[in-house]
Amino acid sequence: MKTAKGSLAQALDRPSPEIRFYLFHGPDEGQSRACGERLLKGLGAEKHVVAAQSAKADPALLADEAGAIGLFGGKRALWIEPAGDEIAPSVEALLEVPATESPAIAIAGSLRKTSPLMKLAEAHPAALAHISYELGQRDAEALVAELGRAEGLRVGPEVAGRIAAAAGNDRGIIVQELAKIALYLNPGADSLVEVDPDVLEAIGAGSEGDWSRLSDLALSGDMAALSHELDSSAADAEPISVVRALQRRLLMLAPIRARVEGGERPHDAVTSAGKSVFWKEKDLIVKLVARWDSKALARIFERSGQIERRLMQSDSPPPTEAMEEELIAIARTAQRK
């Protein structure tokens, strides 16, 4: 079933024992992931990762795993990310078994309206589906302010906008940035500490060296600036965050480019996109949708998905080489366009 308006918080913080499958999907994967993490806390469960390809190869896998008792007796929840329609048969089998020990949580990107997985999750009473849309400017600023208060910080609209833009409106990255600021300011327990722009400059939070900037430099074909950013941020780079920032940008560009290919001028197509485009980025987005056609965007997204899966399946700390090589390849392609 779909989450009713205003009921998501209760479903995550006080989850129903009747729900055994949760699907968080939509263009804002950061928010979907945050919903899943919040649900884990509500369940009091540990994450047990299941690969989507394993569930595809063995449709009985999710039902078997959900029925198994944890090795150490604690609660656990199955976690499938990235998930897609390939797991639908396994989810269907999970929903058909009489009882389970563990629920399953699937984190997916944007799904088609005809998606078998989405239809299954929305229709079955033992499943819950929620779609995460990209945040507009005001919503992103409000989110930063809300998360900041939890860290003992008072974040005004200007600073909140900078942090949100630097994080690509990704909730997970915003949380990391605010934790960095809180560590620097060391707020007390009884009052909120104001975050001013000087703090961002001092510790590099919300600065130009963010992961979204790497994607934009690559897509713009600015090889010199991209190489400089990669060199300066290599030690701190989080490959998964960089790849997902690239994917968010591609998901933004794709529907706007479709408008261009339908006959609209790039500037008009970007204007039509409304709040999905941060106002400070409009000129950049106009240039990118004029440069990249839909087929090229789809190819980059497919390759980024392959890199993401490799990084997530790695047992050791994820290397940065694959991510860096992909960004450089994108920049070289952009220079030829």
C-alpha atoms as a PDB file:
ATOM      1  CA  MET A   1       0.000   0.000   0.000  1.00  0.00           C
ATOM      2  CA  LYS A   2       1.027   3.600  -0.493  1.00  0.00           C
ATOM      3  CA  THR A   3       1.860   5.737   2.507  1.00  0.00           C
ATOM      4  CA  ALA A   4      -0.958   8.152   3.278  1.00  0.00           C
ATOM      5  CA  LYS A   5      -0.071  11.846   3.495  1.00  0.00           C
ATOM      6  CA  GLY A   6       1.333  12.626   6.932  1.00  0.00           C
ATOM      7  CA  SER A   7       1.556   8.967   7.997  1.00  0.00           C
ATOM      8  CA  LEU A   8       5.151   8.228   6.992  1.00  0.00           C
ATOM      9  CA  ALA A   9       6.721   9.234  10.325  1.00  0.00           C
ATOM     10  CA  GLN A  10       4.467   6.877  12.268  1.00  0.00           C
ATOM     11  CA  ALA A  11       5.097   4.050   9.791  1.00  0.00           C
ATOM     12  CA  LEU A  12       8.868   4.458  10.260  1.00  0.00           C
ATOM     13  CA  ASP A  13       9.042   5.155  13.985  1.00  0.00           C
ATOM     14  CA  ARG A  14       6.316   2.726  15.080  1.00  0.00           C
ATOM     15  CA  PRO A  15       6.280   0.144  12.275  1.00  0.00           C
ATOM     16  CA  SER A  16       3.377  -2.257  12.035  1.00  0.00           C
ATOM     17  CA  PRO A  17       4.246  -5.933  12.602  1.00  0.00           C
ATOM     18  CA  GLU A  18       1.874  -6.692   9.713  1.00  0.00           C
ATOM     19  CA  ILE A  19       4.205  -5.055   7.157  1.00  0.00           C
ATOM     20  CA  ARG A  20       6.900  -7.376   5.878  1.00  0.00           C
ATOM     21  CA  PHE A  21       8.098  -5.480   2.792  1.00  0.00           C
ATOM     22  CA  TYR A  22       9.005  -1.800   2.483  1.00  0.00           C
ATOM     23  CA  LEU A  23       9.782  -0.107  -0.834  1.00  0.00           C
ATOM     24  CA  PHE A  24      11.382   3.337  -0.772  1.00  0.00           C
ATOM     25  CA  HIS A  25      11.799   4.647  -4.298  1.00  0.00           C
ATOM     26  CA  GLY A  26      11.902   7.815  -6.358  1.00  0.00           C
ATOM     27  CA  PRO A  27      14.392  10.298  -7.770  1.00  0.00           C
ATOM     28  CA  ASP A  28      15.796  11.301  -4.355  1.00  0.00           C
ATOM     29  CA  GLU A  29      17.604   8.151  -3.301  1.00  0.00           C
ATOM     30  CA  GLY A  30      19.193   9.945  -0.357  1.00  0.00           C
ATOM     31  CA  GLN A  31      15.774  10.494   1.190  1.00  0.00           C
ATOM     32  CA  SER A  32      14.755   6.915   0.416  1.00  0.00           C
ATOM     33  CA  ARG A  33      17.885   5.659   2.142  1.00  0.00           C
ATOM     34  CA  ALA A  34      17.224   7.932   5.130  1.00  0.00           C
ATOM     35  CA  CYS A  35      13.701   6.467   5.393  1.00  0.00           C
ATOM     36  CA  GLY A  36      15.188   2.985   5.437  1.00  0.00           C
ATOM     37  CA  GLU A  37      17.720   3.906   8.131  1.00  0.00           C
ATOM     38  CA  ARG A  38      15.014   5.526  10.249  1.00  0.00           C
ATOM     39  CA  LEU A  39      12.876   2.412   9.842  1.00  0.00           C
ATOM     40  CA  LEU A  40      15.760   0.246  11.084  1.00  0.00           C
ATOM     41  CA  LYS A  41      15.786   2.287  14.305  1.00  0.00           C
ATOM     42  CA  GLY A  42      12.020   1.980  14.607  1.00  0.00           C
ATOM     43  CA  LEU A  43      12.290  -1.769  14.196  1.00  0.00           C
ATOM     44  CA  GLY A  44      15.264  -1.998  16.551  1.00  0.00           C
ATOM     45  CA  ALA A  45      16.867  -4.187  13.903  1.00  0.00           C
ATOM     46  CA  GLU A  46      20.288  -4.712  12.369  1.00  0.00           C
ATOM     47  CA  LYS A  47      20.767  -4.418   8.615  1.00  0.00           C
ATOM     48  CA  HIS A  48      21.269  -7.719   6.759  1.00  0.00           C
ATOM     49  CA  VAL A  49      22.297  -6.959   3.170  1.00  0.00           C
ATOM     50  CA  VAL A  50      20.872  -9.088   0.349  1.00  0.00           C
ATOM     51  CA  ALA A  51      22.072  -8.532  -3.224  1.00  0.00           C
ATOM     52  CA  ALA A  52      19.314  -7.845  -5.749  1.00  0.00           C
ATOM     53  CA  GLN A  53      20.955 -10.176  -8.261  1.00  0.00           C
ATOM     54  CA  SER A  54      20.902 -12.994  -5.704  1.00  0.00           C
ATOM     55  CA  ALA A  55      17.179 -12.425  -5.155  1.00  0.00           C
ATOM     56  CA  LYS A  56      16.668 -12.442  -8.918  1.00  0.00           C
ATOM     57  CA  ALA A  57      18.570 -15.709  -9.340  1.00  0.00           C
ATOM     58  CA  ASP A  58      16.685 -17.370  -6.461  1.00  0.00           C
ATOM     59  CA  PRO A  59      13.068 -16.136  -6.158  1.00  0.00           C
ATOM     60  CA  ALA A  60      12.709 -17.985  -2.834  1.00  0.00           C
ATOM     61  CA  LEU A  61      15.675 -16.178  -1.282  1.00  0.00           C
ATOM     62  CA  LEU A  62      13.859 -13.295   0.421  1.00  0.00           C
ATOM     63  CA  ALA A  63      11.219 -15.609   1.894  1.00  0.00           C
ATOM     64  CA  ASP A  64      13.932 -17.965   3.180  1.00  0.00           C
ATOM     65  CA  GLU A  65      16.040 -15.161   4.625  1.00  0.00           C
ATOM     66  CA  ALA A  66      13.014 -13.459   6.188  1.00  0.00           C
ATOM     67  CA  GLY A  67      11.994 -16.719   7.862  1.00  0.00           C
ATOM     68  CA  ALA A  68      15.433 -17.438   9.299  1.00  0.00           C
ATOM     69  CA  ILE A  69      16.307 -16.538  12.882  1.00  0.00           C
ATOM     70  CA  GLY A  70      19.362 -14.316  13.307  1.00  0.00           C
ATOM     71  CA  LEU A  71      22.574 -16.054  14.291  1.00  0.00           C
ATOM     72  CA  PHE A  72      22.852 -14.120  17.552  1.00  0.00           C
ATOM     73  CA  GLY A  73      19.140 -13.925  18.256  1.00  0.00           C
ATOM     74  CA  GLY A  74      18.728 -10.185  17.644  1.00  0.00           C
ATOM     75  CA  LYS A  75      16.233  -8.560  15.311  1.00  0.00           C
ATOM     76  CA  ARG A  76      17.325  -7.983  11.747  1.00  0.00           C
ATOM     77  CA  ALA A  77      15.894  -6.516   8.553  1.00  0.00           C
ATOM     78  CA  LEU A  78      16.802  -7.548   5.019  1.00  0.00           C
ATOM     79  CA  TRP A  79      18.231  -4.633   3.035  1.00  0.00           C
ATOM     80  CA  ILE A  80      18.238  -4.651  -0.782  1.00  0.00           C
ATOM     81  CA  GLU A  81      20.021  -1.734  -2.485  1.00  0.00           C
ATOM     82  CA  PRO A  82      19.977  -0.879  -5.303  1.00  0.00           C
ATOM     83  CA  ALA A  83      16.696  -2.645  -5.995  1.00  0.00           C
ATOM     84  CA  GLY A  84      14.605  -2.851  -9.143  1.00  0.00           C
ATOM     85  CA  ASP A  85      11.983  -4.904 -10.913  1.00  0.00           C
ATOM     86  CA  GLU A  86      14.320  -7.886 -10.957  1.00  0.00           C
ATOM     87  CA  ILE A  87      13.403  -8.638  -7.313  1.00  0.00           C
ATOM     88  CA  ALA A  88       9.611  -8.588  -7.891  1.00  0.00           C
ATOM     89  CA  PRO A  89       9.233 -12.415  -8.078  1.00  0.00           C
ATOM     90  CA  SER A  90      11.218 -12.811  -4.858  1.00  0.00           C
ATOM     91  CA  VAL A  91       9.118 -10.133  -3.130  1.00  0.00           C
ATOM     92  CA  GLU A  92       5.942 -11.842  -4.295  1.00  0.00           C
ATOM     93  CA  ALA A  93       7.157 -15.101  -2.742  1.00  0.00           C
ATOM     94  CA  LEU A  94       7.987 -13.247   0.483  1.00  0.00           C
ATOM     95  CA  LEU A  95       4.479 -11.816   0.674  1.00  0.00           C
ATOM     96  CA  GLU A  96       2.903 -15.230   0.139  1.00  0.00           C
ATOM     97  CA  VAL A  97       4.525 -17.077   3.073  1.00  0.00           C
ATOM     98  CA  PRO A  98       2.381 -17.434   6.237  1.00  0.00           C
ATOM     99  CA  ALA A  99       4.834 -15.722   8.613  1.00  0.00           C
ATOM    100  CA  THR A 100       8.289 -14.144   8.737  1.00  0.00           C
ATOM    101  CA  GLU A 101      10.876 -13.233  11.349  1.00  0.00           C
ATOM    102  CA  SER A 102      12.339 -10.257   9.480  1.00  0.00           C
ATOM    103  CA  PRO A 103      10.920  -7.583   7.173  1.00  0.00           C
ATOM    104  CA  ALA A 104      12.644  -6.621   3.927  1.00  0.00           C
ATOM    105  CA  ILE A 105      13.572  -3.060   2.952  1.00  0.00           C
ATOM    106  CA  ALA A 106      14.252  -2.200  -0.699  1.00  0.00           C
ATOM    107  CA  ILE A 107      15.877   1.069  -1.790  1.00  0.00           C
ATOM    108  CA  ALA A 108      15.186   1.841  -5.431  1.00  0.00           C
ATOM    109  CA  GLY A 109      15.657   4.811  -7.716  1.00  0.00           C
ATOM    110  CA  SER A 110      12.951   6.076 -10.044  1.00  0.00           C
ATOM    111  CA  LEU A 111      10.564   3.328 -11.148  1.00  0.00           C
ATOM    112  CA  ARG A 112       8.234   3.336 -14.128  1.00  0.00           C
ATOM    113  CA  LYS A 113       4.485   3.619 -13.537  1.00  0.00           C
ATOM    114  CA  THR A 114       4.228   0.106 -14.970  1.00  0.00           C
ATOM    115  CA  SER A 115       6.905  -1.254 -12.604  1.00  0.00           C
ATOM    116  CA  PRO A 116       5.884  -4.731 -11.340  1.00  0.00           C
ATOM    117  CA  LEU A 117       7.737  -4.091  -8.072  1.00  0.00           C
ATOM    118  CA  MET A 118       5.952  -0.808  -7.414  1.00  0.00           C
ATOM    119  CA  LYS A 119       2.539  -2.235  -8.334  1.00  0.00           C
ATOM    120  CA  LEU A 120       3.119  -5.171  -5.991  1.00  0.00           C
ATOM    121  CA  ALA A 121       4.209  -2.967  -3.081  1.00  0.00           C
ATOM    122  CA  GLU A 122       1.333  -0.523  -3.536  1.00  0.00           C
ATOM    123  CA  ALA A 123      -1.348  -3.199  -3.830  1.00  0.00           C
ATOM    124  CA  HIS A 124      -0.434  -5.707  -1.111  1.00  0.00           C
ATOM    125  CA  PRO A 125      -1.648  -5.050   2.484  1.00  0.00           C
ATOM    126  CA  ALA A 126       1.585  -6.490   3.917  1.00  0.00           C
ATOM    127  CA  ALA A 127       3.761  -4.083   1.917  1.00  0.00           C
ATOM    128  CA  LEU A 128       4.367  -0.362   2.142  1.00  0.00           C
ATOM    129  CA  ALA A 129       5.611   1.908  -0.670  1.00  0.00           C
ATOM    130  CA  HIS A 130       6.822   5.488  -0.431  1.00  0.00           C
ATOM    131  CA  ILE A 131       8.163   7.745  -3.186  1.00  0.00           C
ATOM    132  CA  SER A 132      10.870  10.311  -2.415  1.00  0.00           C
ATOM    133  CA  TYR A 133      10.808  13.358  -4.660  1.00  0.00           C
ATOM    134  CA  GLU A 134      13.692  15.750  -5.201  1.00  0.00           C
ATOM    135  CA  LEU A 135      13.551  18.586  -2.705  1.00  0.00           C
ATOM    136  CA  GLY A 136      12.907  22.112  -3.908  1.00  0.00           C
ATOM    137  CA  GLN A 137      14.965  24.998  -2.536  1.00  0.00           C
ATOM    138  CA  ARG A 138      12.663  25.865   0.379  1.00  0.00           C
ATOM    139  CA  ASP A 139      12.116  22.234   1.353  1.00  0.00           C
ATOM    140  CA  ALA A 140      15.871  21.609   1.306  1.00  0.00           C
ATOM    141  CA  GLU A 141      16.539  24.653   3.484  1.00  0.00           C
ATOM    142  CA  ALA A 142      13.851  23.533   5.928  1.00  0.00           C
ATOM    143  CA  LEU A 143      15.383  20.048   6.073  1.00  0.00           C
ATOM    144  CA  VAL A 144      18.839  21.442   6.845  1.00  0.00           C
ATOM    145  CA  ALA A 145      17.381  23.639   9.593  1.00  0.00           C
ATOM    146  CA  GLU A 146      15.498  20.677  11.101  1.00  0.00           C
ATOM    147  CA  LEU A 147      18.506  18.352  11.033  1.00  0.00           C
ATOM    148  CA  GLY A 148      20.691  21.169  12.344  1.00  0.00           C
ATOM    149  CA  ARG A 149      18.523  21.570  15.453  1.00  0.00           C
ATOM    150  CA  ALA A 150      19.061  17.895  16.236  1.00  0.00           C
ATOM    151  CA  GLU A 151      22.807  18.656  16.283  1.00  0.00           C
ATOM    152  CA  GLY A 152      22.365  21.718  18.501  1.00  0.00           C
ATOM    153  CA  LEU A 153      22.732  24.150  15.602  1.00  0.00           C
ATOM    154  CA  ARG A 154      20.643  27.094  14.413  1.00  0.00           C
ATOM    155  CA  VAL A 155      20.952  27.277  10.635  1.00  0.00           C
ATOM    156  CA  GLY A 156      19.481  30.275   8.808  1.00  0.00           C
ATOM    157  CA  PRO A 157      18.107  30.142   5.245  1.00  0.00           C
ATOM    158  CA  GLU A 158      21.268  31.463   3.530  1.00  0.00           C
ATOM    159  CA  VAL A 159      23.608  28.998   5.208  1.00  0.00           C
ATOM    160  CA  ALA A 160      21.040  26.189   4.908  1.00  0.00           C
ATOM    161  CA  GLY A 161      20.806  26.847   1.159  1.00  0.00           C
ATOM    162  CA  ARG A 162      24.578  26.609   0.774  1.00  0.00           C
ATOM    163  CA  ILE A 163      24.770  23.358   2.702  1.00  0.00           C
ATOM    164  CA  ALA A 164      21.849  21.847   0.774  1.00  0.00           C
ATOM    165  CA  ALA A 165      23.280  22.879  -2.608  1.00  0.00           C
ATOM    166  CA  ALA A 166      26.742  21.552  -1.734  1.00  0.00           C
ATOM    167  CA  ALA A 167      25.212  18.241  -0.683  1.00  0.00           C
ATOM    168  CA  GLY A 168      23.040  18.007  -3.799  1.00  0.00           C
ATOM    169  CA  ASN A 169      20.028  17.967  -1.413  1.00  0.00           C
ATOM    170  CA  ASP A 170      21.158  14.492  -0.310  1.00  0.00           C
ATOM    171  CA  ARG A 171      19.946  13.957   3.254  1.00  0.00           C
ATOM    172  CA  GLY A 172      22.791  11.595   4.123  1.00  0.00           C
ATOM    173  CA  ILE A 173      25.457  14.072   2.999  1.00  0.00           C
ATOM    174  CA  ILE A 174      23.641  16.942   4.747  1.00  0.00           C
ATOM    175  CA  VAL A 175      23.752  14.960   7.994  1.00  0.00           C
ATOM    176  CA  GLN A 176      27.502  14.424   7.556  1.00  0.00           C
ATOM    177  CA  GLU A 177      28.091  18.128   6.898  1.00  0.00           C
ATOM    178  CA  LEU A 178      26.072  19.165   9.959  1.00  0.00           C
ATOM    179  CA  ALA A 179      27.911  16.652  12.145  1.00  0.00           C
ATOM    180  CA  LYS A 180      31.185  18.181  10.943  1.00  0.00           C
ATOM    181  CA  ILE A 181      29.931  21.662  11.856  1.00  0.00           C
ATOM    182  CA  ALA A 182      28.693  20.495  15.267  1.00  0.00           C
ATOM    183  CA  LEU A 183      32.074  18.937  15.997  1.00  0.00           C
ATOM    184  CA  TYR A 184      33.717  22.266  15.147  1.00  0.00           C
ATOM    185  CA  LEU A 185      31.313  24.477  17.127  1.00  0.00           C
ATOM    186  CA  ASN A 186      30.751  22.037  20.017  1.00  0.00           C
ATOM    187  CA  PRO A 187      27.244  23.285  20.928  1.00  0.00           C
ATOM    188  CA  GLY A 188      25.985  22.900  24.492  1.00  0.00           C
ATOM    189  CA  ALA A 189      23.024  20.819  25.533  1.00  0.00           C
ATOM    190  CA  ASP A 190      20.787  23.739  26.566  1.00  0.00           C
ATOM    191  CA  SER A 191      20.983  26.195  23.650  1.00  0.00           C
ATOM    192  CA  LEU A 192      21.427  26.281  19.898  1.00  0.00           C
ATOM    193  CA  VAL A 193      24.606  27.669  18.331  1.00  0.00           C
ATOM    194  CA  GLU A 194      24.238  29.911  15.285  1.00  0.00           C
ATOM    195  CA  VAL A 195      26.011  28.727  12.131  1.00  0.00           C
ATOM    196  CA  ASP A 196      27.298  31.695  10.156  1.00  0.00           C
ATOM    197  CA  PRO A 197      28.957  31.702   6.710  1.00  0.00           C
ATOM    198  CA  ASP A 198      32.414  32.127   8.269  1.00  0.00           C
ATOM    199  CA  VAL A 199      32.062  28.694   9.853  1.00  0.00           C
ATOM    200  CA  LEU A 200      31.452  27.111   6.459  1.00  0.00           C
ATOM    201  CA  GLU A 201      34.548  28.792   5.078  1.00  0.00           C
ATOM    202  CA  ALA A 202      36.629  27.735   8.079  1.00  0.00           C
ATOM    203  CA  ILE A 203      35.908  24.019   7.806  1.00  0.00           C
ATOM    204  CA  GLY A 204      34.990  23.682   4.135  1.00  0.00           C
ATOM    205  CA  ALA A 205      31.378  22.655   4.730  1.00  0.00           C
ATOM    206  CA  GLY A 206      28.987  23.687   1.983  1.00  0.00           C
ATOM    207  CA  SER A 207      31.972  24.719  -0.099  1.00  0.00           C
ATOM    208  CA  GLU A 208      32.876  24.344  -3.730  1.00  0.00           C
ATOM    209  CA  GLY A 209      34.695  21.080  -3.035  1.00  0.00           C
ATOM    210  CA  ASP A 210      31.487  19.047  -2.826  1.00  0.00           C
ATOM    211  CA  TRP A 211      30.597  15.884  -4.643  1.00  0.00           C
ATOM    212  CA  SER A 212      27.969  17.490  -6.907  1.00  0.00           C
ATOM    213  CA  ARG A 213      30.606  19.877  -8.204  1.00  0.00           C
ATOM    214  CA  LEU A 214      32.704  16.955  -9.420  1.00  0.00           C
ATOM    215  CA  SER A 215      29.770  15.702 -11.494  1.00  0.00           C
ATOM    216  CA  ASP A 216      29.056  19.149 -12.917  1.00  0.00           C
ATOM    217  CA  LEU A 217      32.687  19.726 -13.894  1.00  0.00           C
ATOM    218  CA  ALA A 218      32.781  16.360 -15.657  1.00  0.00           C
ATOM    219  CA  LEU A 219      29.513  16.948 -17.517  1.00  0.00           C
ATOM    220  CA  SER A 220      30.708  20.449 -18.470  1.00  0.00           C
ATOM    221  CA  GLY A 221      33.959  19.094 -19.895  1.00  0.00           C
ATOM    222  CA  ASP A 222      36.107  21.272 -17.610  1.00  0.00           C
ATOM    223  CA  MET A 223      39.047  18.878 -17.430  1.00  0.00           C
ATOM    224  CA  ALA A 224      41.460  21.270 -15.715  1.00  0.00           C
ATOM    225  CA  ALA A 225      39.088  22.137 -12.881  1.00  0.00           C
ATOM    226  CA  LEU A 226      37.975  18.507 -12.530  1.00  0.00           C
ATOM    227  CA  SER A 227      41.579  17.287 -12.239  1.00  0.00           C
ATOM    228  CA  HIS A 228      42.270  19.941  -9.612  1.00  0.00           C
ATOM    229  CA  GLU A 229      39.189  18.972  -7.594  1.00  0.00           C
ATOM    230  CA  LEU A 230      40.028  15.264  -7.785  1.00  0.00           C
ATOM    231  CA  ASP A 231      43.560  15.941  -6.603  1.00  0.00           C
ATOM    232  CA  SER A 232      42.442  18.163  -3.730  1.00  0.00           C
ATOM    233  CA  SER A 233      39.566  15.962  -2.550  1.00  0.00           C
ATOM    234  CA  ALA A 234      41.021  12.512  -3.258  1.00  0.00           C
ATOM    235  CA  ALA A 235      41.759  11.739   0.393  1.00  0.00           C
ATOM    236  CA  ASP A 236      38.235  12.650   1.542  1.00  0.00           C
ATOM    237  CA  ALA A 237      36.316  11.426  -1.485  1.00  0.00           C
ATOM    238  CA  GLU A 238      33.505   8.979  -0.778  1.00  0.00           C
ATOM    239  CA  PRO A 239      33.071   7.060  -4.045  1.00  0.00           C
ATOM    240  CA  ILE A 240      29.468   6.048  -3.374  1.00  0.00           C
ATOM    241  CA  SER A 241      28.493   9.651  -2.578  1.00  0.00           C
ATOM    242  CA  VAL A 242      30.228  10.907  -5.723  1.00  0.00           C
ATOM    243  CA  VAL A 243      28.523   8.323  -7.944  1.00  0.00           C
ATOM    244  CA  ARG A 244      25.115   9.052  -6.426  1.00  0.00           C
ATOM    245  CA  ALA A 245      25.618  12.780  -6.853  1.00  0.00           C
ATOM    246  CA  LEU A 246      26.270  12.081 -10.542  1.00  0.00           C
ATOM    247  CA  GLN A 247      23.128   9.934 -10.735  1.00  0.00           C
ATOM    248  CA  ARG A 248      20.997  12.650  -9.133  1.00  0.00           C
ATOM    249  CA  ARG A 249      22.244  15.153 -11.678  1.00  0.00           C
ATOM    250  CA  LEU A 250      21.498  12.748 -14.541  1.00  0.00           C
ATOM    251  CA  LEU A 251      17.994  12.108 -13.203  1.00  0.00           C
ATOM    252  CA  MET A 252      17.423  15.853 -13.132  1.00  0.00           C
ATOM    253  CA  LEU A 253      18.762  16.386 -16.643  1.00  0.00           C
ATOM    254  CA  ALA A 254      16.941  13.503 -18.361  1.00  0.00           C
ATOM    255  CA  PRO A 255      13.344  14.830 -18.280  1.00  0.00           C
ATOM    256  CA  ILE A 256      14.508  18.356 -19.116  1.00  0.00           C
ATOM    257  CA  ARG A 257      16.483  17.062 -22.099  1.00  0.00           C
ATOM    258  CA  ALA A 258      13.381  15.147 -23.209  1.00  0.00           C
ATOM    259  CA  ARG A 259      11.550  18.488 -23.384  1.00  0.00           C
ATOM    260  CA  VAL A 260      14.379  19.895 -25.515  1.00  0.00           C
ATOM    261  CA  GLU A 261      14.165  16.938 -27.882  1.00  0.00           C
ATOM    262  CA  GLY A 262      10.424  17.525 -27.987  1.00  0.00           C
ATOM    263  CA  GLY A 263      11.021  20.983 -29.427  1.00  0.00           C
ATOM    264  CA  GLU A 264      11.503  23.330 -26.464  1.00  0.00           C
ATOM    265  CA  ARG A 265      14.497  25.630 -26.207  1.00  0.00           C
ATOM    266  CA  PRO A 266      16.937  24.652 -23.409  1.00  0.00           C
ATOM    267  CA  HIS A 267      16.190  27.776 -21.370  1.00  0.00           C
ATOM    268  CA  ASP A 268      12.424  27.266 -21.644  1.00  0.00           C
ATOM    269  CA  ALA A 269      12.737  23.568 -20.757  1.00  0.00           C
ATOM    270  CA  VAL A 270      14.731  24.400 -17.609  1.00  0.00           C
ATOM    271  CA  THR A 271      12.217  27.081 -16.621  1.00  0.00           C
ATOM    272  CA  SER A 272       9.393  24.557 -17.079  1.00  0.00           C
ATOM    273  CA  ALA A 273      11.130  22.209 -14.637  1.00  0.00           C
ATOM    274  CA  GLY A 274      10.275  24.624 -11.830  1.00  0.00           C
ATOM    275  CA  LYS A 275      11.494  23.851  -8.315  1.00  0.00           C
ATOM    276  CA  SER A 276      13.362  20.709  -9.368  1.00  0.00           C
ATOM    277  CA  VAL A 277      16.154  23.047 -10.510  1.00  0.00           C
ATOM    278  CA  PHE A 278      17.912  25.068  -7.805  1.00  0.00           C
ATOM    279  CA  TRP A 279      17.674  28.691  -8.968  1.00  0.00           C
ATOM    280  CA  LYS A 280      21.416  29.317  -8.668  1.00  0.00           C
ATOM    281  CA  GLU A 281      22.100  26.386 -11.013  1.00  0.00           C
ATOM    282  CA  LYS A 282      19.756  27.314 -13.873  1.00  0.00           C
ATOM    283  CA  ASP A 283      22.457  28.658 -16.199  1.00  0.00           C
ATOM    284  CA  LEU A 284      24.544  25.530 -15.664  1.00  0.00           C
ATOM    285  CA  ILE A 285      21.585  23.211 -16.303  1.00  0.00           C
ATOM    286  CA  VAL A 286      20.734  25.086 -19.520  1.00  0.00           C
ATOM    287  CA  LYS A 287      24.286  24.452 -20.778  1.00  0.00           C
ATOM    288  CA  LEU A 288      24.226  20.784 -19.797  1.00  0.00           C
ATOM    289  CA  VAL A 289      20.869  19.947 -21.411  1.00  0.00           C
ATOM    290  CA  ALA A 290      22.052  21.678 -24.572  1.00  0.00           C
ATOM    291  CA  ARG A 291      25.244  19.603 -24.557  1.00  0.00           C
ATOM    292  CA  TRP A 292      24.008  16.088 -23.682  1.00  0.00           C
ATOM    293  CA  ASP A 293      21.281  14.171 -25.521  1.00  0.00           C
ATOM    294  CA  SER A 294      19.034  11.567 -23.902  1.00  0.00           C
ATOM    295  CA  LYS A 295      20.935   8.546 -25.217  1.00  0.00           C
ATOM    296  CA  ALA A 296      24.234   9.833 -23.848  1.00  0.00           C
ATOM    297  CA  LEU A 297      22.687  10.580 -20.458  1.00  0.00           C
ATOM    298  CA  ALA A 298      21.227   7.070 -20.345  1.00  0.00           C
ATOM    299  CA  ARG A 299      24.613   5.508 -21.164  1.00  0.00           C
ATOM    300  CA  ILE A 300      26.326   7.453 -18.381  1.00  0.00           C
ATOM    301  CA  PHE A 301      23.591   6.479 -15.924  1.00  0.00           C
ATOM    302  CA  GLU A 302      23.953   2.808 -16.850  1.00  0.00           C
ATOM    303  CA  ARG A 303      27.727   2.920 -16.332  1.00  0.00           C
ATOM    304  CA  SER A 304      27.313   4.763 -13.025  1.00  0.00           C
ATOM    305  CA  GLY A 305      24.960   2.005 -11.861  1.00  0.00           C
ATOM    306  CA  GLN A 306      27.572  -0.616 -12.676  1.00  0.00           C
ATOM    307  CA  ILE A 307      30.194   1.296 -10.693  1.00  0.00           C
ATOM    308  CA  GLU A 308      27.767   1.717  -7.778  1.00  0.00           C
ATOM    309  CA  ARG A 309      27.081  -2.014  -7.636  1.00  0.00           C
ATOM    310  CA  ARG A 310      30.822  -2.786  -7.693  1.00  0.00           C
ATOM    311  CA  LEU A 311      31.439  -0.366  -4.842  1.00  0.00           C
ATOM    312  CA  MET A 312      28.566  -1.721  -2.741  1.00  0.00           C
ATOM    313  CA  GLN A 313      29.607  -5.334  -3.234  1.00  0.00           C
ATOM    314  CA  SER A 314      33.192  -4.640  -2.164  1.00  0.00           C
ATOM    315  CA  ASP A 315      34.080  -5.986   1.298  1.00  0.00           C
ATOM    316  CA  SER A 316      37.106  -3.716   1.600  1.00  0.00           C
ATOM    317  CA  PRO A 317      37.087   0.116   1.710  1.00  0.00           C
ATOM    318  CA  PRO A 318      35.845   1.168  -1.751  1.00  0.00           C
ATOM    319  CA  PRO A 319      38.570   2.403  -4.122  1.00  0.00           C
ATOM    320  CA  THR A 320      38.247   5.761  -5.830  1.00  0.00           C
ATOM    321  CA  GLU A 321      39.868   4.801  -9.134  1.00  0.00           C
ATOM    322  CA  ALA A 322      36.716   3.584 -10.922  1.00  0.00           C
ATOM    323  CA  MET A 323      34.785   6.700  -9.941  1.00  0.00           C
ATOM    324  CA  GLU A 324      37.616   9.029 -10.973  1.00  0.00           C
ATOM    325  CA  GLU A 325      38.132   7.253 -14.304  1.00  0.00           C
ATOM    326  CA  GLU A 326      34.423   7.558 -15.117  1.00  0.00           C
ATOM    327  CA  LEU A 327      34.374  11.292 -14.343  1.00  0.00           C
ATOM    328  CA  ILE A 328      37.432  11.874 -16.535  1.00  0.00           C
ATOM    329  CA  ALA A 329      35.871   9.838 -19.358  1.00  0.00           C
ATOM    330  CA  ILE A 330      32.684  11.930 -19.112  1.00  0.00           C
ATOM    331  CA  ALA A 331      34.706  15.152 -19.229  1.00  0.00           C
ATOM    332  CA  ARG A 332      36.599  14.001 -22.334  1.00  0.00           C
ATOM    333  CA  THR A 333      33.334  13.093 -24.054  1.00  0.00           C
ATOM    334  CA  ALA A 334      31.862  16.479 -23.115  1.00  0.00           C
ATOM    335  CA  GLN A 335      34.842  18.245 -24.701  1.00  0.00           C
ATOM    336  CA  ARG A 336      34.085  16.536 -28.007  1.00  0.00           C
ATOM    337  CA  LYS A 337      30.456  17.662 -28.013  1.00  0.00           C
END
